[in-house]
Amino acid sequence: LPGIVGLNNIKANDYANAVLQALSNVPRG
């Protein structure tokens, strides 16, 4: 489903991935 897509966890970037995925689904975003 476009917009509900996984982000690669390169090493220890899951904290940033979670934020980026949340922002991708904010209407203003």
PDB file of all heavy atoms in Angstrom:
ATOM      1  N   LEU A   1       0.858  -1.173   0.000  1.00  0.00           N
ATOM      2  CA  LEU A   1       0.000   0.000   0.000  1.00  0.00           C
ATOM      3  C   LEU A   1       0.903   1.233   0.000  1.00  0.00           C
ATOM      4  O   LEU A   1       1.675   1.436   0.943  1.00  0.00           O
ATOM      5  CB  LEU A   1      -0.896   0.002   1.234  1.00  0.00           C
ATOM      6  CG  LEU A   1      -1.987   1.081   1.303  1.00  0.00           C
ATOM      7  CD1 LEU A   1      -3.003   0.885   0.176  1.00  0.00           C
ATOM      8  CD2 LEU A   1      -2.681   1.038   2.663  1.00  0.00           C
ATOM      9  N   PRO A   2       0.885   2.055  -1.047  1.00  0.00           N
ATOM     10  CA  PRO A   2       1.730   3.252  -1.074  1.00  0.00           C
ATOM     11  C   PRO A   2       1.564   4.086   0.191  1.00  0.00           C
ATOM     12  O   PRO A   2       0.450   4.321   0.652  1.00  0.00           O
ATOM     13  CB  PRO A   2       1.225   4.004  -2.319  1.00  0.00           C
ATOM     14  CG  PRO A   2       0.732   2.919  -3.217  1.00  0.00           C
ATOM     15  CD  PRO A   2       0.091   1.914  -2.297  1.00  0.00           C
ATOM     16  N   GLY A   3       2.675   4.498   0.757  1.00  0.00           N
ATOM     17  CA  GLY A   3       2.651   5.240   2.005  1.00  0.00           C
ATOM     18  C   GLY A   3       2.844   4.350   3.210  1.00  0.00           C
ATOM     19  O   GLY A   3       3.264   4.809   4.274  1.00  0.00           O
ATOM     20  N   ILE A   4       2.534   3.058   3.061  1.00  0.00           N
ATOM     21  CA  ILE A   4       2.743   2.083   4.137  1.00  0.00           C
ATOM     22  C   ILE A   4       3.827   1.138   3.648  1.00  0.00           C
ATOM     23  O   ILE A   4       3.583  -0.001   3.251  1.00  0.00           O
ATOM     24  CB  ILE A   4       1.449   1.302   4.476  1.00  0.00           C
ATOM     25  CG1 ILE A   4       0.277   2.262   4.643  1.00  0.00           C
ATOM     26  CG2 ILE A   4       1.652   0.470   5.728  1.00  0.00           C
ATOM     27  CD1 ILE A   4       0.427   3.238   5.791  1.00  0.00           C
ATOM     28  N   VAL A   5       5.052   1.639   3.658  1.00  0.00           N
ATOM     29  CA  VAL A   5       6.177   0.927   3.059  1.00  0.00           C
ATOM     30  C   VAL A   5       7.312   0.853   4.066  1.00  0.00           C
ATOM     31  O   VAL A   5       7.571   1.812   4.797  1.00  0.00           O
ATOM     32  CB  VAL A   5       6.661   1.658   1.776  1.00  0.00           C
ATOM     33  CG1 VAL A   5       7.851   0.959   1.167  1.00  0.00           C
ATOM     34  CG2 VAL A   5       5.529   1.742   0.762  1.00  0.00           C
ATOM     35  N   GLY A   6       7.985  -0.270   4.110  1.00  0.00           N
ATOM     36  CA  GLY A   6       9.089  -0.442   5.043  1.00  0.00           C
ATOM     37  C   GLY A   6      10.315   0.371   4.651  1.00  0.00           C
ATOM     38  O   GLY A   6      10.551   0.627   3.481  1.00  0.00           O
ATOM     39  N   LEU A   7      11.090   0.764   5.671  1.00  0.00           N
ATOM     40  CA  LEU A   7      12.366   1.438   5.456  1.00  0.00           C
ATOM     41  C   LEU A   7      13.483   0.510   5.924  1.00  0.00           C
ATOM     42  O   LEU A   7      13.390  -0.081   7.003  1.00  0.00           O
ATOM     43  CB  LEU A   7      12.431   2.751   6.239  1.00  0.00           C
ATOM     44  CG  LEU A   7      11.551   3.898   5.737  1.00  0.00           C
ATOM     45  CD1 LEU A   7      11.609   5.070   6.723  1.00  0.00           C
ATOM     46  CD2 LEU A   7      12.009   4.357   4.368  1.00  0.00           C
ATOM     47  N   ASN A   8      14.524   0.391   5.131  1.00  0.00           N
ATOM     48  CA  ASN A   8      15.635  -0.483   5.490  1.00  0.00           C
ATOM     49  C   ASN A   8      16.273  -0.043   6.804  1.00  0.00           C
ATOM     50  O   ASN A   8      16.517   1.146   7.012  1.00  0.00           O
ATOM     51  CB  ASN A   8      16.707  -0.464   4.392  1.00  0.00           C
ATOM     52  CG  ASN A   8      16.230  -1.134   3.122  1.00  0.00           C
ATOM     53  OD1 ASN A   8      15.182  -1.764   3.095  1.00  0.00           O
ATOM     54  ND2 ASN A   8      17.000  -0.992   2.061  1.00  0.00           N
ATOM     55  N   ASN A   9      16.552  -0.999   7.665  1.00  0.00           N
ATOM     56  CA  ASN A   9      17.286  -0.730   8.894  1.00  0.00           C
ATOM     57  C   ASN A   9      18.756  -0.988   8.603  1.00  0.00           C
ATOM     58  O   ASN A   9      19.207  -2.124   8.586  1.00  0.00           O
ATOM     59  CB  ASN A   9      16.791  -1.622  10.035  1.00  0.00           C
ATOM     60  CG  ASN A   9      17.337  -1.176  11.382  1.00  0.00           C
ATOM     61  OD1 ASN A   9      17.934  -0.115  11.490  1.00  0.00           O
ATOM     62  ND2 ASN A   9      17.141  -1.997  12.406  1.00  0.00           N
ATOM     63  N   ILE A  10      19.502   0.072   8.340  1.00  0.00           N
ATOM     64  CA  ILE A  10      20.880  -0.058   7.906  1.00  0.00           C
ATOM     65  C   ILE A  10      21.766  -0.569   9.032  1.00  0.00           C
ATOM     66  O   ILE A  10      22.593  -1.460   8.838  1.00  0.00           O
ATOM     67  CB  ILE A  10      21.392   1.292   7.367  1.00  0.00           C
ATOM     68  CG1 ILE A  10      20.511   1.721   6.179  1.00  0.00           C
ATOM     69  CG2 ILE A  10      22.862   1.221   6.949  1.00  0.00           C
ATOM     70  CD1 ILE A  10      20.718   3.154   5.743  1.00  0.00           C
ATOM     71  N   LYS A  11      21.608  -0.020  10.214  1.00  0.00           N
ATOM     72  CA  LYS A  11      22.331  -0.536  11.380  1.00  0.00           C
ATOM     73  C   LYS A  11      21.555  -0.241  12.659  1.00  0.00           C
ATOM     74  O   LYS A  11      20.985  -1.126  13.257  1.00  0.00           O
ATOM     75  CB  LYS A  11      23.751   0.011  11.448  1.00  0.00           C
ATOM     76  CG  LYS A  11      24.597  -0.717  12.493  1.00  0.00           C
ATOM     77  CD  LYS A  11      26.083  -0.510  12.291  1.00  0.00           C
ATOM     78  CE  LYS A  11      26.859  -1.382  13.283  1.00  0.00           C
ATOM     79  NZ  LYS A  11      28.328  -1.186  13.145  1.00  0.00           N
ATOM     80  N   ALA A  12      21.553   1.039  13.066  1.00  0.00           N
ATOM     81  CA  ALA A  12      20.847   1.405  14.296  1.00  0.00           C
ATOM     82  C   ALA A  12      19.991   2.641  14.052  1.00  0.00           C
ATOM     83  O   ALA A  12      19.939   3.548  14.873  1.00  0.00           O
ATOM     84  CB  ALA A  12      21.843   1.663  15.426  1.00  0.00           C
ATOM     85  N   ASN A  13      19.320   2.647  12.905  1.00  0.00           N
ATOM     86  CA  ASN A  13      18.546   3.824  12.520  1.00  0.00           C
ATOM     87  C   ASN A  13      17.043   3.625  12.644  1.00  0.00           C
ATOM     88  O   ASN A  13      16.265   4.389  12.089  1.00  0.00           O
ATOM     89  CB  ASN A  13      18.872   4.225  11.074  1.00  0.00           C
ATOM     90  CG  ASN A  13      18.655   3.085  10.088  1.00  0.00           C
ATOM     91  OD1 ASN A  13      19.426   2.133  10.071  1.00  0.00           O
ATOM     92  ND2 ASN A  13      17.625   3.176   9.257  1.00  0.00           N
ATOM     93  N   ASP A  14      16.635   2.596  13.398  1.00  0.00           N
ATOM     94  CA  ASP A  14      15.202   2.335  13.512  1.00  0.00           C
ATOM     95  C   ASP A  14      14.467   3.477  14.208  1.00  0.00           C
ATOM     96  O   ASP A  14      13.298   3.743  13.916  1.00  0.00           O
ATOM     97  CB  ASP A  14      14.957   1.006  14.259  1.00  0.00           C
ATOM     98  CG  ASP A  14      15.740   0.892  15.552  1.00  0.00           C
ATOM     99  OD1 ASP A  14      16.936   1.217  15.536  1.00  0.00           O
ATOM    100  OD2 ASP A  14      15.158   0.487  16.573  1.00  0.00           O
ATOM    101  N   TYR A  15      15.124   4.188  15.125  1.00  0.00           N
ATOM    102  CA  TYR A  15      14.488   5.316  15.815  1.00  0.00           C
ATOM    103  C   TYR A  15      14.126   6.418  14.813  1.00  0.00           C
ATOM    104  O   TYR A  15      13.064   7.034  14.902  1.00  0.00           O
ATOM    105  CB  TYR A  15      15.411   5.867  16.907  1.00  0.00           C
ATOM    106  CG  TYR A  15      16.591   6.660  16.387  1.00  0.00           C
ATOM    107  CD1 TYR A  15      16.559   8.051  16.321  1.00  0.00           C
ATOM    108  CD2 TYR A  15      17.750   6.019  15.941  1.00  0.00           C
ATOM    109  CE1 TYR A  15      17.634   8.780  15.841  1.00  0.00           C
ATOM    110  CE2 TYR A  15      18.831   6.732  15.461  1.00  0.00           C
ATOM    111  CZ  TYR A  15      18.774   8.113  15.408  1.00  0.00           C
ATOM    112  OH  TYR A  15      19.839   8.821  14.915  1.00  0.00           O
ATOM    113  N   ALA A  16      15.011   6.646  13.848  1.00  0.00           N
ATOM    114  CA  ALA A  16      14.745   7.661  12.830  1.00  0.00           C
ATOM    115  C   ALA A  16      13.709   7.160  11.829  1.00  0.00           C
ATOM    116  O   ALA A  16      12.848   7.926  11.371  1.00  0.00           O
ATOM    117  CB  ALA A  16      16.043   8.040  12.113  1.00  0.00           C
ATOM    118  N   ASN A  17      13.773   5.878  11.467  1.00  0.00           N
ATOM    119  CA  ASN A  17      12.804   5.304  10.532  1.00  0.00           C
ATOM    120  C   ASN A  17      11.379   5.467  11.041  1.00  0.00           C
ATOM    121  O   ASN A  17      10.463   5.801  10.285  1.00  0.00           O
ATOM    122  CB  ASN A  17      13.095   3.813  10.316  1.00  0.00           C
ATOM    123  CG  ASN A  17      14.272   3.575   9.396  1.00  0.00           C
ATOM    124  OD1 ASN A  17      14.917   4.518   8.949  1.00  0.00           O
ATOM    125  ND2 ASN A  17      14.567   2.318   9.116  1.00  0.00           N
ATOM    126  N   ALA A  18      11.190   5.221  12.347  1.00  0.00           N
ATOM    127  CA  ALA A  18       9.849   5.321  12.931  1.00  0.00           C
ATOM    128  C   ALA A  18       9.304   6.745  12.795  1.00  0.00           C
ATOM    129  O   ALA A  18       8.131   6.950  12.457  1.00  0.00           O
ATOM    130  CB  ALA A  18       9.888   4.907  14.399  1.00  0.00           C
ATOM    131  N   VAL A  19      10.160   7.734  13.018  1.00  0.00           N
ATOM    132  CA  VAL A  19       9.741   9.135  12.915  1.00  0.00           C
ATOM    133  C   VAL A  19       9.429   9.492  11.467  1.00  0.00           C
ATOM    134  O   VAL A  19       8.404  10.120  11.168  1.00  0.00           O
ATOM    135  CB  VAL A  19      10.844  10.062  13.471  1.00  0.00           C
ATOM    136  CG1 VAL A  19      10.538  11.523  13.138  1.00  0.00           C
ATOM    137  CG2 VAL A  19      10.978   9.881  14.978  1.00  0.00           C
ATOM    138  N   LEU A  20      10.295   9.086  10.536  1.00  0.00           N
ATOM    139  CA  LEU A  20      10.100   9.414   9.126  1.00  0.00           C
ATOM    140  C   LEU A  20       8.825   8.777   8.577  1.00  0.00           C
ATOM    141  O   LEU A  20       8.087   9.391   7.803  1.00  0.00           O
ATOM    142  CB  LEU A  20      11.314   8.949   8.315  1.00  0.00           C
ATOM    143  CG  LEU A  20      12.620   9.698   8.622  1.00  0.00           C
ATOM    144  CD1 LEU A  20      13.802   9.008   7.941  1.00  0.00           C
ATOM    145  CD2 LEU A  20      12.532  11.151   8.186  1.00  0.00           C
ATOM    146  N   GLN A  21       8.546   7.541   8.987  1.00  0.00           N
ATOM    147  CA  GLN A  21       7.322   6.880   8.525  1.00  0.00           C
ATOM    148  C   GLN A  21       6.085   7.561   9.102  1.00  0.00           C
ATOM    149  O   GLN A  21       5.069   7.701   8.414  1.00  0.00           O
ATOM    150  CB  GLN A  21       7.349   5.400   8.904  1.00  0.00           C
ATOM    151  CG  GLN A  21       8.289   4.592   8.017  1.00  0.00           C
ATOM    152  CD  GLN A  21       8.292   3.124   8.382  1.00  0.00           C
ATOM    153  OE1 GLN A  21       8.357   2.767   9.553  1.00  0.00           O
ATOM    154  NE2 GLN A  21       8.242   2.259   7.389  1.00  0.00           N
ATOM    155  N   ALA A  22       6.160   7.998  10.354  1.00  0.00           N
ATOM    156  CA  ALA A  22       5.027   8.709  10.953  1.00  0.00           C
ATOM    157  C   ALA A  22       4.772  10.022  10.213  1.00  0.00           C
ATOM    158  O   ALA A  22       3.631  10.360   9.887  1.00  0.00           O
ATOM    159  CB  ALA A  22       5.297   8.965  12.438  1.00  0.00           C
ATOM    160  N   LEU A  23       5.835  10.766   9.918  1.00  0.00           N
ATOM    161  CA  LEU A  23       5.686  12.048   9.225  1.00  0.00           C
ATOM    162  C   LEU A  23       5.148  11.863   7.812  1.00  0.00           C
ATOM    163  O   LEU A  23       4.454  12.739   7.288  1.00  0.00           O
ATOM    164  CB  LEU A  23       7.029  12.781   9.181  1.00  0.00           C
ATOM    165  CG  LEU A  23       7.551  13.314  10.516  1.00  0.00           C
ATOM    166  CD1 LEU A  23       8.935  13.929  10.339  1.00  0.00           C
ATOM    167  CD2 LEU A  23       6.589  14.336  11.110  1.00  0.00           C
ATOM    168  N   SER A  24       5.446  10.732   7.201  1.00  0.00           N
ATOM    169  CA  SER A  24       4.982  10.500   5.825  1.00  0.00           C
ATOM    170  C   SER A  24       3.472  10.352   5.755  1.00  0.00           C
ATOM    171  O   SER A  24       2.879  10.447   4.679  1.00  0.00           O
ATOM    172  CB  SER A  24       5.645   9.250   5.238  1.00  0.00           C
ATOM    173  OG  SER A  24       5.083   8.061   5.770  1.00  0.00           O
ATOM    174  N   ASN A  25       2.849  10.131   6.900  1.00  0.00           N
ATOM    175  CA  ASN A  25       1.395   9.947   6.914  1.00  0.00           C
ATOM    176  C   ASN A  25       0.652  11.075   7.617  1.00  0.00           C
ATOM    177  O   ASN A  25      -0.541  10.967   7.866  1.00  0.00           O
ATOM    178  CB  ASN A  25       1.054   8.604   7.572  1.00  0.00           C
ATOM    179  CG  ASN A  25       1.293   7.435   6.642  1.00  0.00           C
ATOM    180  OD1 ASN A  25       0.444   7.098   5.830  1.00  0.00           O
ATOM    181  ND2 ASN A  25       2.470   6.839   6.730  1.00  0.00           N
ATOM    182  N   VAL A  26       1.337  12.160   7.915  1.00  0.00           N
ATOM    183  CA  VAL A  26       0.678  13.358   8.442  1.00  0.00           C
ATOM    184  C   VAL A  26       0.126  14.137   7.256  1.00  0.00           C
ATOM    185  O   VAL A  26       0.864  14.428   6.318  1.00  0.00           O
ATOM    186  CB  VAL A  26       1.675  14.227   9.230  1.00  0.00           C
ATOM    187  CG1 VAL A  26       1.034  15.543   9.640  1.00  0.00           C
ATOM    188  CG2 VAL A  26       2.189  13.467  10.443  1.00  0.00           C
ATOM    189  N   PRO A  27      -1.175  14.470   7.257  1.00  0.00           N
ATOM    190  CA  PRO A  27      -1.764  15.159   6.093  1.00  0.00           C
ATOM    191  C   PRO A  27      -0.975  16.363   5.617  1.00  0.00           C
ATOM    192  O   PRO A  27      -0.753  16.521   4.431  1.00  0.00           O
ATOM    193  CB  PRO A  27      -3.163  15.556   6.604  1.00  0.00           C
ATOM    194  CG  PRO A  27      -3.491  14.489   7.590  1.00  0.00           C
ATOM    195  CD  PRO A  27      -2.195  14.155   8.275  1.00  0.00           C
ATOM    196  N   ARG A  28      -0.510  17.229   6.540  1.00  0.00           N
ATOM    197  CA  ARG A  28       0.262  18.390   6.113  1.00  0.00           C
ATOM    198  C   ARG A  28       1.575  17.944   5.488  1.00  0.00           C
ATOM    199  O   ARG A  28       2.120  18.605   4.610  1.00  0.00           O
ATOM    200  CB  ARG A  28       0.515  19.331   7.295  1.00  0.00           C
ATOM    201  CG  ARG A  28       1.347  20.551   6.906  1.00  0.00           C
ATOM    202  CD  ARG A  28       1.350  21.587   8.013  1.00  0.00           C
ATOM    203  NE  ARG A  28       0.109  22.327   8.076  1.00  0.00           N
ATOM    204  CZ  ARG A  28      -0.156  23.385   7.326  1.00  0.00           C
ATOM    205  NH1 ARG A  28       0.713  23.805   6.442  1.00  0.00           N
ATOM    206  NH2 ARG A  28      -1.295  24.024   7.445  1.00  0.00           N
ATOM    207  N   GLY A  29       2.103  16.813   5.928  1.00  0.00           N
ATOM    208  CA  GLY A  29       3.349  16.312   5.369  1.00  0.00           C
ATOM    209  C   GLY A  29       3.214  15.905   3.920  1.00  0.00           C
ATOM    210  O   GLY A  29       4.210  15.800   3.202  1.00  0.00           O
TER     211      GLY A  29
END
